[in-house]
């Protein structure tokens, strides 16, 4: 058998194994959900949200209707004087984990 046929045969075998594994995993997962529901007596309630009454008016506006005004605002002088947003700081309490650097 030449190399190309061997490659396609092994690719087909791997595909069959993957599809079979996914099917088994899906079936096992569905069974576990039903089993857990039976053990805990949990009920999943399916409801549809009821829309709140409105007067039919929708208000919308563009956040940045004219990008050229932004370019006009940020001149070189303003860009030089701009300060960056502060970086958030995380304070660790005693006993909490620290991340390695």
C-alpha atoms as a PDB file:
ATOM      1  CA  UNK A   1       0.000   0.000   0.000  1.00  0.00           C
ATOM      2  CA  UNK A   2       1.450   3.394  -0.893  1.00  0.00           C
ATOM      3  CA  UNK A   3       1.996   6.220   1.623  1.00  0.00           C
ATOM      4  CA  UNK A   4      -0.998   8.327   0.498  1.00  0.00           C
ATOM      5  CA  UNK A   5      -3.468   5.480   0.986  1.00  0.00           C
ATOM      6  CA  UNK A   6      -1.995   4.717   4.405  1.00  0.00           C
ATOM      7  CA  UNK A   7      -2.340   8.374   5.390  1.00  0.00           C
ATOM      8  CA  UNK A   8      -5.984   8.530   4.278  1.00  0.00           C
ATOM      9  CA  UNK A   9      -6.773   5.231   5.986  1.00  0.00           C
ATOM     10  CA  UNK A  10      -5.291   6.400   9.273  1.00  0.00           C
ATOM     11  CA  UNK A  11      -7.046   9.789   8.944  1.00  0.00           C
ATOM     12  CA  UNK A  12     -10.353   7.990   8.464  1.00  0.00           C
ATOM     13  CA  UNK A  13      -9.702   5.775  11.482  1.00  0.00           C
ATOM     14  CA  UNK A  14      -8.849   8.801  13.637  1.00  0.00           C
ATOM     15  CA  UNK A  15     -12.004  10.571  12.418  1.00  0.00           C
ATOM     16  CA  UNK A  16     -14.182   7.590  13.323  1.00  0.00           C
ATOM     17  CA  UNK A  17     -12.582   7.388  16.770  1.00  0.00           C
ATOM     18  CA  UNK A  18     -13.076  11.122  17.384  1.00  0.00           C
ATOM     19  CA  UNK A  19     -16.715  11.062  16.303  1.00  0.00           C
ATOM     20  CA  UNK A  20     -17.357   7.990  18.435  1.00  0.00           C
ATOM     21  CA  UNK A  21     -15.685   9.587  21.439  1.00  0.00           C
ATOM     22  CA  UNK A  22     -17.683  12.786  21.045  1.00  0.00           C
ATOM     23  CA  UNK A  23     -20.898  10.768  20.796  1.00  0.00           C
ATOM     24  CA  UNK A  24     -20.081   8.792  23.924  1.00  0.00           C
ATOM     25  CA  UNK A  25     -19.120  11.964  25.809  1.00  0.00           C
ATOM     26  CA  UNK A  26     -22.360  13.689  24.782  1.00  0.00           C
ATOM     27  CA  UNK A  27     -24.443  10.681  25.815  1.00  0.00           C
ATOM     28  CA  UNK A  28     -22.628  10.387  29.133  1.00  0.00           C
ATOM     29  CA  UNK A  29     -23.027  14.092  29.785  1.00  0.00           C
ATOM     30  CA  UNK A  30     -26.764  13.962  29.079  1.00  0.00           C
ATOM     31  CA  UNK A  31     -27.106  10.950  31.364  1.00  0.00           C
ATOM     32  CA  UNK A  32     -25.248  12.700  34.175  1.00  0.00           C
ATOM     33  CA  UNK A  33     -27.554  15.712  33.935  1.00  0.00           C
ATOM     34  CA  UNK A  34     -30.618  13.508  34.256  1.00  0.00           C
ATOM     35  CA  UNK A  35     -29.007  11.552  37.075  1.00  0.00           C
ATOM     36  CA  UNK A  36     -28.037  14.708  38.970  1.00  0.00           C
ATOM     37  CA  UNK A  37     -31.545  16.098  38.489  1.00  0.00           C
ATOM     38  CA  UNK A  38     -32.959  12.893  39.988  1.00  0.00           C
ATOM     39  CA  UNK A  39     -30.535  12.919  42.927  1.00  0.00           C
ATOM     40  CA  UNK A  40     -31.067  16.551  43.843  1.00  0.00           C
ATOM     41  CA  UNK A  41     -34.708  16.794  42.806  1.00  0.00           C
ATOM     42  CA  UNK A  42     -33.789  20.013  41.022  1.00  0.00           C
ATOM     43  CA  UNK A  43     -36.339  21.447  38.665  1.00  0.00           C
ATOM     44  CA  UNK A  44     -35.312  23.671  35.815  1.00  0.00           C
ATOM     45  CA  UNK A  45     -37.964  26.246  35.180  1.00  0.00           C
ATOM     46  CA  UNK A  46     -38.204  27.465  31.616  1.00  0.00           C
ATOM     47  CA  UNK A  47     -39.840  30.841  31.359  1.00  0.00           C
ATOM     48  CA  UNK A  48     -39.864  33.522  28.744  1.00  0.00           C
ATOM     49  CA  UNK A  49     -39.189  37.065  29.860  1.00  0.00           C
ATOM     50  CA  UNK A  50     -42.202  39.311  29.708  1.00  0.00           C
ATOM     51  CA  UNK A  51     -41.488  42.630  28.061  1.00  0.00           C
ATOM     52  CA  UNK A  52     -42.085  45.708  30.150  1.00  0.00           C
ATOM     53  CA  UNK A  53     -44.661  48.073  28.750  1.00  0.00           C
ATOM     54  CA  UNK A  54     -43.201  51.105  27.027  1.00  0.00           C
ATOM     55  CA  UNK A  55     -44.646  54.080  25.278  1.00  0.00           C
ATOM     56  CA  UNK A  56     -43.089  52.937  21.996  1.00  0.00           C
ATOM     57  CA  UNK A  57     -40.346  55.548  21.956  1.00  0.00           C
ATOM     58  CA  UNK A  58     -36.762  54.484  21.426  1.00  0.00           C
ATOM     59  CA  UNK A  59     -34.049  57.029  22.125  1.00  0.00           C
ATOM     60  CA  UNK A  60     -30.682  56.537  20.494  1.00  0.00           C
ATOM     61  CA  UNK A  61     -27.755  58.736  19.612  1.00  0.00           C
ATOM     62  CA  UNK A  62     -24.318  58.218  18.143  1.00  0.00           C
ATOM     63  CA  UNK A  63     -21.522  58.218  20.659  1.00  0.00           C
ATOM     64  CA  UNK A  64     -19.096  59.764  18.210  1.00  0.00           C
ATOM     65  CA  UNK A  65     -21.095  61.282  15.358  1.00  0.00           C
ATOM     66  CA  UNK A  66     -18.180  63.258  13.871  1.00  0.00           C
ATOM     67  CA  UNK A  67     -14.700  61.678  14.145  1.00  0.00           C
ATOM     68  CA  UNK A  68     -13.073  64.770  12.650  1.00  0.00           C
ATOM     69  CA  UNK A  69     -14.051  66.724  15.786  1.00  0.00           C
ATOM     70  CA  UNK A  70     -12.035  64.259  17.852  1.00  0.00           C
ATOM     71  CA  UNK A  71      -9.001  64.953  15.685  1.00  0.00           C
ATOM     72  CA  UNK A  72      -9.585  68.679  16.108  1.00  0.00           C
ATOM     73  CA  UNK A  73      -9.819  68.287  19.903  1.00  0.00           C
ATOM     74  CA  UNK A  74      -6.619  66.259  20.361  1.00  0.00           C
ATOM     75  CA  UNK A  75      -4.007  68.734  19.226  1.00  0.00           C
ATOM     76  CA  UNK A  76      -0.296  68.138  19.812  1.00  0.00           C
ATOM     77  CA  UNK A  77      -0.384  70.341  22.917  1.00  0.00           C
ATOM     78  CA  UNK A  78      -3.301  68.429  24.401  1.00  0.00           C
ATOM     79  CA  UNK A  79      -1.663  65.095  23.593  1.00  0.00           C
ATOM     80  CA  UNK A  80       1.539  66.181  25.339  1.00  0.00           C
ATOM     81  CA  UNK A  81      -0.416  67.283  28.410  1.00  0.00           C
ATOM     82  CA  UNK A  82      -2.604  64.184  28.551  1.00  0.00           C
ATOM     83  CA  UNK A  83      -2.136  61.851  31.507  1.00  0.00           C
ATOM     84  CA  UNK A  84      -2.656  58.118  31.155  1.00  0.00           C
ATOM     85  CA  UNK A  85      -5.377  56.356  33.074  1.00  0.00           C
ATOM     86  CA  UNK A  86      -4.060  54.864  36.318  1.00  0.00           C
ATOM     87  CA  UNK A  87      -3.368  51.157  36.264  1.00  0.00           C
ATOM     88  CA  UNK A  88      -5.502  49.145  38.666  1.00  0.00           C
ATOM     89  CA  UNK A  89      -3.683  47.884  41.728  1.00  0.00           C
ATOM     90  CA  UNK A  90      -4.396  44.616  43.467  1.00  0.00           C
ATOM     91  CA  UNK A  91      -3.776  44.368  47.177  1.00  0.00           C
ATOM     92  CA  UNK A  92      -3.214  40.888  48.550  1.00  0.00           C
ATOM     93  CA  UNK A  93      -4.504  40.095  51.993  1.00  0.00           C
ATOM     94  CA  UNK A  94      -2.424  37.899  54.296  1.00  0.00           C
ATOM     95  CA  UNK A  95      -2.918  34.238  53.412  1.00  0.00           C
ATOM     96  CA  UNK A  96      -3.932  34.867  49.815  1.00  0.00           C
ATOM     97  CA  UNK A  97      -1.980  33.461  46.925  1.00  0.00           C
ATOM     98  CA  UNK A  98       0.633  35.508  45.148  1.00  0.00           C
ATOM     99  CA  UNK A  99       1.321  35.143  41.441  1.00  0.00           C
ATOM    100  CA  UNK A 100       4.870  34.339  40.412  1.00  0.00           C
ATOM    101  CA  UNK A 101       6.560  36.956  38.247  1.00  0.00           C
END
